Amino acid sequence: MSVTKHKAHKDRPKKTDNLAMNFNRILIPIGCIVLTVAAWRSYQWPGVALVGSGIVMWILLHFTRILTVLKRATDRPIGSVASAVMLNAKLKKGVNLMHVIAMTRSLGALQSEKDAQPEIFRWTDNGDSHVTCTFTGGKLTEWVLHRPE
């Protein structure tokens, strides 16, 4: 049995990872408001309509991507992957769960308590090798590849 473990330099997640995620939650709405105010000052209602259309288009693009990823994931059983070794090689620290689901084209089998942090998911291939991924705040912090003898 061989186990390959990939982990951040420290056992706990960096505060900057969560800080960046919190900034995105604040900066994106503020940016939308600033764009809307600038459009109003420059072109009034036609400018607001243009900025509003752009924001709606951006939201629809993200929604479409999420639906496409989840639609592809419905074709496979939960927690399955073509090759756990290839998944292990492709994983990078800091990617979000939706990115990993897009790579595996399968939802991960939840290993932790529901709605508990950190979230732990597992993907297994046909050779019983599996990759166990730990997500903290929606971002990948560590993963372990387990290969049977």
Protein backbone atom coordinates (compact mmCIF):
# COMPACT_ATOMS: atom_id res chain seq x y z
CA MET A 1 0.00 0.00 0.00
CA SER A 2 1.42 3.36 -0.97
CA VAL A 3 0.15 6.70 0.19
CA THR A 4 1.15 10.01 -1.31
CA LYS A 5 0.17 13.05 0.71
CA HIS A 6 0.19 16.61 -0.54
CA LYS A 7 -0.31 19.32 2.01
CA ALA A 8 0.19 23.01 2.54
CA HIS A 9 3.35 24.02 4.37
CA LYS A 10 1.45 24.30 7.63
CA ASP A 11 -1.33 22.11 9.02
CA ARG A 12 -3.81 24.95 9.19
CA PRO A 13 -5.00 26.95 6.18
CA LYS A 14 -3.49 30.34 5.54
CA LYS A 15 -5.55 33.32 6.63
CA THR A 16 -4.88 34.97 3.26
CA ASP A 17 -6.86 32.24 1.44
CA ASN A 18 -10.04 33.02 3.38
CA LEU A 19 -9.28 36.73 3.24
CA ALA A 20 -9.11 36.64 -0.56
CA MET A 21 -12.40 34.78 -0.71
CA ASN A 22 -14.02 37.38 1.60
CA PHE A 23 -12.63 40.24 -0.52
CA ASN A 24 -14.28 38.73 -3.61
CA ARG A 25 -17.61 38.68 -1.81
CA ILE A 26 -17.22 42.38 -1.03
CA LEU A 27 -15.34 43.75 -4.05
CA ILE A 28 -17.56 42.29 -6.78
CA PRO A 29 -20.79 43.94 -5.53
CA ILE A 30 -18.92 47.20 -4.86
CA GLY A 31 -17.47 47.06 -8.39
CA CYS A 32 -20.95 46.54 -9.83
CA ILE A 33 -22.27 49.52 -7.88
CA VAL A 34 -19.34 51.73 -8.95
CA LEU A 35 -19.87 50.75 -12.61
CA THR A 36 -23.59 51.49 -12.33
CA VAL A 37 -22.99 54.91 -10.75
CA ALA A 38 -20.35 55.77 -13.38
CA ALA A 39 -22.74 54.70 -16.14
CA TRP A 40 -25.50 56.86 -14.65
CA ARG A 41 -23.23 59.90 -14.44
CA SER A 42 -22.01 59.45 -18.01
CA TYR A 43 -25.07 58.23 -19.93
CA GLN A 44 -27.92 58.11 -17.39
CA TRP A 45 -30.55 55.40 -18.06
CA PRO A 46 -29.00 54.00 -21.26
CA GLY A 47 -25.68 53.60 -19.41
CA VAL A 48 -27.36 51.88 -16.46
CA ALA A 49 -29.15 49.55 -18.90
CA LEU A 50 -25.83 48.69 -20.59
CA VAL A 51 -24.04 47.99 -17.30
CA GLY A 52 -27.02 46.02 -15.99
CA SER A 53 -27.04 43.92 -19.17
CA GLY A 54 -23.32 43.24 -18.77
CA ILE A 55 -23.74 42.17 -15.15
CA VAL A 56 -26.65 39.87 -16.01
CA MET A 57 -24.59 38.35 -18.87
CA TRP A 58 -21.67 37.72 -16.48
CA ILE A 59 -24.00 36.01 -13.97
CA LEU A 60 -25.55 33.89 -16.74
CA LEU A 61 -22.11 32.78 -17.96
CA HIS A 62 -21.18 31.56 -14.48
CA PHE A 63 -24.56 29.88 -14.05
CA THR A 64 -24.19 28.13 -17.41
CA ARG A 65 -20.72 26.87 -16.48
CA ILE A 66 -21.99 25.46 -13.19
CA LEU A 67 -24.90 23.72 -14.91
CA THR A 68 -22.59 22.28 -17.60
CA VAL A 69 -20.20 20.88 -15.00
CA LEU A 70 -23.04 19.35 -12.99
CA LYS A 71 -24.69 17.92 -16.12
CA ARG A 72 -21.45 16.14 -17.04
CA ALA A 73 -21.18 14.85 -13.47
CA THR A 74 -24.58 13.15 -13.69
CA ASP A 75 -23.21 10.61 -16.18
CA ARG A 76 -20.90 9.00 -13.62
CA PRO A 77 -21.47 7.41 -10.23
CA ILE A 78 -20.67 9.52 -7.18
CA GLY A 79 -17.01 9.33 -6.22
CA SER A 80 -15.69 7.70 -9.41
CA VAL A 81 -12.80 8.88 -11.55
CA ALA A 82 -11.06 7.40 -14.60
CA SER A 83 -7.60 7.47 -12.98
CA ALA A 84 -6.83 8.49 -9.42
CA VAL A 85 -3.13 8.83 -10.27
CA MET A 86 -3.88 11.32 -13.07
CA LEU A 87 -6.24 13.24 -10.80
CA ASN A 88 -3.49 13.41 -8.17
CA ALA A 89 -1.09 14.82 -10.77
CA LYS A 90 -3.56 17.48 -11.95
CA LEU A 91 -4.64 18.80 -8.55
CA LYS A 92 -3.33 22.14 -7.37
CA LYS A 93 -3.66 23.79 -4.00
CA GLY A 94 -6.27 26.53 -3.87
CA VAL A 95 -8.63 25.35 -6.63
CA ASN A 96 -12.31 25.25 -5.73
CA LEU A 97 -14.57 22.21 -5.51
CA MET A 98 -16.35 23.03 -8.78
CA HIS A 99 -12.99 22.94 -10.60
CA VAL A 100 -12.23 19.47 -9.18
CA ILE A 101 -15.72 18.25 -10.14
CA ALA A 102 -15.11 19.56 -13.67
CA MET A 103 -11.78 17.64 -13.84
CA THR A 104 -13.23 14.37 -12.53
CA ARG A 105 -16.65 14.74 -14.20
CA SER A 106 -18.08 13.21 -11.04
CA LEU A 107 -19.31 14.44 -7.69
CA GLY A 108 -17.02 13.37 -4.86
CA ALA A 109 -18.16 10.95 -2.18
CA LEU A 110 -18.50 13.02 1.00
CA GLN A 111 -16.33 11.62 3.81
CA SER A 112 -16.92 14.29 6.46
CA GLU A 113 -20.04 15.42 8.29
CA LYS A 114 -22.51 17.32 6.12
CA ASP A 115 -21.95 21.11 6.23
CA ALA A 116 -18.85 20.72 8.45
CA GLN A 117 -15.51 22.38 7.81
CA PRO A 118 -13.21 21.13 6.42
CA GLU A 119 -15.11 19.19 3.77
CA ILE A 120 -13.51 15.89 2.73
CA PHE A 121 -14.37 14.21 -0.58
CA ARG A 122 -13.05 11.00 -2.15
CA TRP A 123 -12.76 9.89 -5.78
CA THR A 124 -11.98 6.22 -6.54
CA ASP A 125 -10.94 4.57 -9.81
CA ASN A 126 -11.52 1.00 -11.07
CA GLY A 127 -8.24 -0.23 -9.55
CA ASP A 128 -9.34 0.80 -6.03
CA SER A 129 -6.86 3.67 -5.94
CA HIS A 130 -8.43 6.76 -4.48
CA VAL A 131 -7.73 10.42 -3.90
CA THR A 132 -9.08 12.03 -0.74
CA CYS A 133 -9.33 15.83 -0.99
CA THR A 134 -9.78 18.29 1.86
CA PHE A 135 -11.53 21.58 1.10
CA THR A 136 -11.46 24.45 3.60
CA GLY A 137 -13.66 27.40 2.78
CA GLY A 138 -14.37 25.92 -0.64
CA LYS A 139 -10.68 25.74 -1.61
CA LEU A 140 -8.48 22.64 -1.90
CA THR A 141 -5.96 22.60 0.96
CA GLU A 142 -4.61 19.04 0.79
CA TRP A 143 -5.09 15.73 -0.95
CA VAL A 144 -3.91 12.17 -0.41
CA LEU A 145 -3.44 9.48 -3.06
CA HIS A 146 -3.89 5.90 -1.82
CA ARG A 147 -2.82 3.04 -4.12
CA PRO A 148 -3.36 -0.58 -3.09
CA GLU A 149 -0.50 -3.05 -3.43
